[in-house]
Amino acid sequence: MLFLVFFRYNPTNDPDNEELGEGGESPRWQTALFVAVLTLLHGLAVIVITGILTTVAPEKLGLWANTLGIMAALLAAVQYLPQIWMTYHIKHVGSLSIPMMCMQTPGGFIFAGSLFARLGWAGWSSWGIFVLTASMQGILLYMAIYYEMEARKHTSKSLHRGQPRSHLHPNGFDDDVPVDTPDQIRDQQESDAAAETAPLLKPSNGNPNRNYNT
């Protein structure tokens, strides 16, 4: 939802965007919309199938629960593995929140432990998904802390050598790049609109009956 709200529908050339890489394709809002619709349909299908099995074949609910657990583990891998690869590729935290992951990672293991204490090994499809997601989020947390520390070490070495301090943050943002205010953005849009509607040929004040033939 946030991707669709803050998406740049007018593509702009950004040669300094390291996340895209050379020859990379920028994300499209159609992809996010397709994933959102597919997720909604998947949720509705799970609700309908669960209702049918509860009414017609309640003895199959255990098998259905295990199937949903395996499906959830696969979807969690699809969610986290690209983020792990992207973080390793760009070598900085990006938009990841280290404090948030510091709370969610141990929280996932604690919740999985509580489910294991109640369900035992028979409930592997319930607590296993939380172990998997907490483990992959722990990998992300380790990478984020490592790249954050490396960036601070690089900054301290630069200051020790007398080099000017870099304004580039570990998330890729640069303090030296000016940020346009909403008024400046509005004025620029009005200026662009005026330039697009301006006539290509201006009217001449000369004599329209003048003969230019020599």
Protein backbone atom coordinates (compact mmCIF):
# COMPACT_ATOMS: atom_id res chain seq x y z
CA MET A 1 0.00 0.00 0.00
CA LEU A 2 2.80 2.46 0.87
CA PHE A 3 4.54 1.54 -2.38
CA LEU A 4 1.44 2.53 -4.37
CA VAL A 5 0.90 5.73 -2.37
CA PHE A 6 4.46 7.08 -2.68
CA PHE A 7 5.27 5.61 -6.09
CA ARG A 8 6.70 7.92 -8.78
CA TYR A 9 4.24 7.48 -11.61
CA ASN A 10 6.31 9.81 -13.81
CA PRO A 11 9.62 7.96 -14.34
CA THR A 12 12.73 10.07 -13.87
CA ASN A 13 16.30 9.32 -14.80
CA ASP A 14 18.37 8.86 -11.67
CA PRO A 15 21.92 7.79 -12.61
CA ASP A 16 23.02 7.91 -8.97
CA ASN A 17 20.50 5.30 -7.85
CA GLU A 18 22.69 2.44 -6.72
CA GLU A 19 19.81 0.12 -5.97
CA LEU A 20 18.86 -0.21 -9.63
CA GLY A 21 22.36 -0.96 -10.78
CA GLU A 22 23.54 -0.87 -14.36
CA GLY A 23 20.89 -2.04 -16.76
CA GLY A 24 18.37 -2.51 -13.92
CA GLU A 25 14.69 -1.85 -14.31
CA SER A 26 12.83 0.50 -12.00
CA PRO A 27 9.86 -0.96 -10.10
CA ARG A 28 6.43 -0.51 -11.67
CA TRP A 29 3.20 0.28 -9.89
CA GLN A 30 1.44 -2.38 -11.95
CA THR A 31 3.59 -5.01 -10.25
CA ALA A 32 2.60 -3.83 -6.77
CA LEU A 33 -1.07 -3.72 -7.77
CA PHE A 34 -0.86 -7.23 -9.22
CA VAL A 35 0.73 -8.56 -6.02
CA ALA A 36 -1.94 -6.84 -3.89
CA VAL A 37 -4.78 -8.37 -5.94
CA LEU A 38 -3.10 -11.78 -5.90
CA THR A 39 -2.71 -11.59 -2.11
CA LEU A 40 -6.37 -10.68 -1.70
CA LEU A 41 -7.49 -13.58 -3.90
CA HIS A 42 -5.21 -15.97 -2.03
CA GLY A 43 -6.68 -14.90 1.32
CA LEU A 44 -10.23 -15.33 0.04
CA ALA A 45 -9.39 -18.79 -1.37
CA VAL A 46 -7.94 -19.89 1.99
CA ILE A 47 -11.07 -18.70 3.82
CA VAL A 48 -13.41 -20.47 1.39
CA ILE A 49 -11.45 -23.76 1.43
CA THR A 50 -11.20 -23.69 5.23
CA GLY A 51 -14.95 -23.15 5.52
CA ILE A 52 -15.70 -26.00 3.14
CA LEU A 53 -13.38 -28.43 4.94
CA THR A 54 -14.83 -27.45 8.32
CA THR A 55 -18.32 -28.26 7.10
CA VAL A 56 -17.73 -31.25 4.83
CA ALA A 57 -14.51 -32.96 5.96
CA PRO A 58 -13.32 -31.78 9.38
CA GLU A 59 -10.87 -34.70 9.59
CA LYS A 60 -8.85 -33.08 6.79
CA LEU A 61 -8.24 -29.86 8.71
CA GLY A 62 -4.94 -31.13 10.15
CA LEU A 63 -3.57 -31.83 6.67
CA TRP A 64 -4.86 -28.45 5.47
CA ALA A 65 -3.15 -26.71 8.40
CA ASN A 66 0.18 -28.37 7.55
CA THR A 67 -0.26 -27.35 3.91
CA LEU A 68 -0.84 -23.75 4.93
CA GLY A 69 2.27 -23.88 7.15
CA ILE A 70 4.44 -25.04 4.25
CA MET A 71 2.88 -22.43 1.98
CA ALA A 72 3.56 -19.70 4.55
CA ALA A 73 7.20 -20.79 4.83
CA LEU A 74 7.63 -20.58 1.05
CA LEU A 75 6.01 -17.15 0.92
CA ALA A 76 8.23 -15.95 3.76
CA ALA A 77 11.30 -17.08 1.83
CA VAL A 78 10.03 -15.23 -1.24
CA GLN A 79 9.60 -12.14 0.93
CA TYR A 80 12.94 -12.11 2.75
CA LEU A 81 15.46 -13.64 0.34
CA PRO A 82 15.28 -10.79 -2.24
CA GLN A 83 15.70 -8.24 0.58
CA ILE A 84 18.71 -10.12 1.95
CA TRP A 85 20.28 -10.20 -1.51
CA MET A 86 19.54 -6.50 -2.12
CA THR A 87 21.07 -5.49 1.21
CA TYR A 88 24.18 -7.53 0.45
CA HIS A 89 24.38 -6.05 -3.05
CA ILE A 90 24.06 -2.35 -2.14
CA LYS A 91 26.14 -2.69 1.06
CA HIS A 92 24.06 -0.30 3.17
CA VAL A 93 20.97 -0.34 5.33
CA GLY A 94 18.71 1.52 2.93
CA SER A 95 15.20 1.97 4.31
CA LEU A 96 15.51 -0.86 6.85
CA SER A 97 14.93 0.09 10.48
CA ILE A 98 17.49 -1.45 12.83
CA PRO A 99 15.49 -0.66 16.04
CA MET A 100 12.39 -2.27 14.54
CA MET A 101 14.31 -5.44 13.63
CA CYS A 102 15.90 -5.48 17.10
CA MET A 103 12.39 -5.78 18.55
CA GLN A 104 10.84 -8.08 15.94
CA THR A 105 13.65 -10.64 15.71
CA PRO A 106 13.68 -11.77 19.36
CA GLY A 107 9.91 -11.33 19.47
CA GLY A 108 9.53 -13.86 16.68
CA PHE A 109 11.61 -16.44 18.52
CA ILE A 110 9.72 -15.83 21.78
CA PHE A 111 6.36 -16.25 20.07
CA ALA A 112 7.56 -19.41 18.32
CA GLY A 113 8.73 -20.76 21.68
CA SER A 114 5.36 -20.10 23.26
CA LEU A 115 3.60 -21.95 20.43
CA PHE A 116 6.02 -24.85 20.77
CA ALA A 117 5.36 -25.03 24.52
CA ARG A 118 1.61 -25.35 23.87
CA LEU A 119 1.54 -27.46 20.70
CA GLY A 120 4.78 -29.43 20.86
CA TRP A 121 6.35 -30.99 17.78
CA ALA A 122 2.90 -31.73 16.35
CA GLY A 123 2.34 -28.02 15.78
CA TRP A 124 5.43 -27.54 13.61
CA SER A 125 3.36 -25.91 10.89
CA SER A 126 2.33 -23.17 13.33
CA TRP A 127 5.57 -22.28 15.12
CA GLY A 128 7.96 -23.25 12.30
CA ILE A 129 7.01 -20.24 10.17
CA PHE A 130 7.88 -17.86 13.02
CA VAL A 131 11.25 -19.55 13.50
CA LEU A 132 11.97 -19.19 9.79
CA THR A 133 10.93 -15.53 9.54
CA ALA A 134 12.77 -14.60 12.75
CA SER A 135 15.90 -16.34 11.47
CA MET A 136 15.87 -14.52 8.14
CA GLN A 137 15.10 -11.23 9.85
CA GLY A 138 18.03 -11.93 12.17
CA ILE A 139 20.26 -12.29 9.11
CA LEU A 140 19.02 -8.92 7.87
CA LEU A 141 19.63 -7.39 11.29
CA TYR A 142 23.21 -8.71 11.40
CA MET A 143 23.92 -7.36 7.91
CA ALA A 144 22.38 -3.97 8.74
CA ILE A 145 24.43 -3.59 11.93
CA TYR A 146 27.60 -4.71 10.14
CA TYR A 147 27.23 -2.24 7.27
CA GLU A 148 26.30 0.54 9.70
CA MET A 149 29.45 -0.08 11.75
CA GLU A 150 31.59 -0.25 8.60
CA ALA A 151 30.20 3.09 7.43
CA ARG A 152 30.99 4.70 10.79
CA LYS A 153 34.52 3.25 10.75
CA HIS A 154 35.05 4.71 7.28
CA THR A 155 33.82 8.10 8.50
CA SER A 156 36.11 8.06 11.55
CA LYS A 157 39.13 7.08 9.41
CA SER A 158 38.40 9.92 7.01
CA LEU A 159 38.28 12.41 9.89
CA HIS A 160 41.50 11.02 11.37
CA ARG A 161 43.30 11.51 8.06
CA GLY A 162 42.10 15.09 7.84
CA GLN A 163 39.73 14.42 4.96
CA PRO A 164 36.43 16.29 4.92
CA ARG A 165 33.58 14.39 6.46
CA SER A 166 31.35 12.65 3.96
CA HIS A 167 27.75 13.78 3.88
CA LEU A 168 26.62 10.42 2.49
CA HIS A 169 24.64 8.44 5.01
CA PRO A 170 24.63 4.64 5.15
CA ASN A 171 21.12 4.65 3.71
CA GLY A 172 22.36 6.36 0.54
CA PHE A 173 21.05 9.88 1.20
CA ASP A 174 23.38 12.85 0.81
CA ASP A 175 23.13 16.03 2.85
CA ASP A 176 24.73 18.02 0.02
CA VAL A 177 21.85 17.30 -2.34
CA PRO A 178 19.25 20.07 -1.93
CA VAL A 179 15.71 18.98 -1.21
CA ASP A 180 12.97 20.97 -2.91
CA THR A 181 10.22 22.37 -0.74
CA PRO A 182 6.56 21.85 -1.71
CA ASP A 183 6.36 25.48 -2.93
CA GLN A 184 9.43 25.01 -5.14
CA ILE A 185 8.00 21.80 -6.57
CA ARG A 186 4.66 23.53 -7.28
CA ASP A 187 6.41 26.47 -8.98
CA GLN A 188 8.49 24.10 -11.09
CA GLN A 189 5.38 22.19 -12.17
CA GLU A 190 3.59 25.43 -13.11
CA SER A 191 6.66 26.57 -15.05
CA ASP A 192 6.82 23.26 -16.92
CA ALA A 193 3.10 23.43 -17.71
CA ALA A 194 3.46 26.98 -19.01
CA ALA A 195 6.38 25.95 -21.21
CA GLU A 196 4.39 23.07 -22.68
CA THR A 197 1.39 25.26 -23.56
CA ALA A 198 3.45 28.14 -25.03
CA PRO A 199 3.15 28.48 -28.84
CA LEU A 200 6.15 27.40 -30.86
CA LEU A 201 5.94 30.41 -33.21
CA LYS A 202 5.44 33.87 -31.78
CA PRO A 203 3.34 36.39 -33.75
CA SER A 204 5.38 38.87 -35.74
CA ASN A 205 4.92 42.66 -35.52
CA GLY A 206 6.22 43.25 -39.04
CA ASN A 207 4.35 44.00 -42.26
CA PRO A 208 2.38 40.89 -43.34
CA ASN A 209 2.30 42.17 -46.99
CA ARG A 210 6.05 42.57 -47.20
CA ASN A 211 7.61 40.86 -50.18
CA TYR A 212 10.77 38.96 -49.25
CA ASN A 213 11.64 38.03 -52.85
CA THR A 214 14.74 39.80 -54.14
